[in-house]
Amino acid sequence: MTASVQELLNTFDRLTDSARLDLALEILKRTAHLDFPPLSDESLVLNAEELFLELDEQETLYE
């Protein structure tokens, strides 16, 4: 991840919930029509694993 991307993410994290939702919606609108290469099965599995691990961690915090 580049420094500029990390800076954007840090700024995003400091926004209010409402501003984050506005920004996320605008980013989704702008990226919906980009021509992304297809994801490999390996990439999908790795992303799913990261997501489930994060959900497990959040679940543990709320218990």
Protein backbone atom coordinates (compact mmCIF):
# COMPACT_ATOMS: atom_id res chain seq x y z
CA MET A 1 0.00 0.00 0.00
CA THR A 2 1.39 3.38 -0.91
CA ALA A 3 1.80 6.21 1.60
CA SER A 4 -0.84 8.29 -0.17
CA VAL A 5 -3.38 5.45 0.04
CA GLN A 6 -2.59 4.96 3.73
CA GLU A 7 -3.04 8.70 4.30
CA LEU A 8 -6.44 8.59 2.58
CA LEU A 9 -7.50 5.66 4.75
CA ASN A 10 -6.37 7.44 7.90
CA THR A 11 -8.35 10.51 6.89
CA PHE A 12 -11.38 8.30 6.13
CA ASP A 13 -11.14 6.79 9.62
CA ARG A 14 -11.31 10.27 11.19
CA LEU A 15 -14.52 11.24 9.36
CA THR A 16 -17.93 11.14 10.97
CA ASP A 17 -20.10 8.12 10.20
CA SER A 18 -22.25 10.23 7.89
CA ALA A 19 -19.25 11.57 5.97
CA ARG A 20 -17.79 8.04 5.68
CA LEU A 21 -21.04 6.79 4.15
CA ASP A 22 -21.10 9.70 1.70
CA LEU A 23 -17.51 9.06 0.67
CA ALA A 24 -17.98 5.29 0.36
CA LEU A 25 -21.01 5.80 -1.86
CA GLU A 26 -19.12 8.23 -4.09
CA ILE A 27 -16.15 5.84 -4.40
CA LEU A 28 -18.46 2.95 -5.29
CA LYS A 29 -20.14 5.05 -7.97
CA ARG A 30 -16.78 5.95 -9.49
CA THR A 31 -15.39 2.41 -9.44
CA ALA A 32 -18.48 0.50 -10.55
CA HIS A 33 -17.53 0.70 -14.21
CA LEU A 34 -13.79 0.10 -13.98
CA ASP A 35 -12.50 -2.87 -15.92
CA PHE A 36 -11.04 -5.07 -13.18
CA PRO A 37 -9.31 -8.32 -14.11
CA PRO A 38 -11.09 -11.45 -12.88
CA LEU A 39 -10.08 -12.66 -9.42
CA SER A 40 -8.41 -16.02 -9.14
CA ASP A 41 -9.87 -18.69 -6.88
CA GLU A 42 -6.83 -18.27 -4.63
CA SER A 43 -7.47 -14.52 -4.27
CA LEU A 44 -11.12 -15.11 -3.47
CA VAL A 45 -10.26 -17.69 -0.81
CA LEU A 46 -7.65 -15.42 0.80
CA ASN A 47 -10.05 -12.48 0.87
CA ALA A 48 -12.83 -14.61 2.32
CA GLU A 49 -10.47 -15.94 4.98
CA GLU A 50 -9.44 -12.41 5.98
CA LEU A 51 -13.07 -11.34 6.15
CA PHE A 52 -14.13 -14.29 8.31
CA LEU A 53 -11.17 -13.81 10.65
CA GLU A 54 -12.11 -10.16 11.07
CA LEU A 55 -15.75 -11.08 11.73
CA ASP A 56 -14.66 -13.67 14.32
CA GLU A 57 -12.54 -11.03 16.04
CA GLN A 58 -15.43 -8.55 16.11
CA GLU A 59 -17.77 -11.24 17.41
CA THR A 60 -15.36 -12.00 20.25
CA LEU A 61 -15.24 -8.30 21.20
CA TYR A 62 -19.04 -8.09 21.43
CA GLU A 63 -19.46 -11.18 23.60
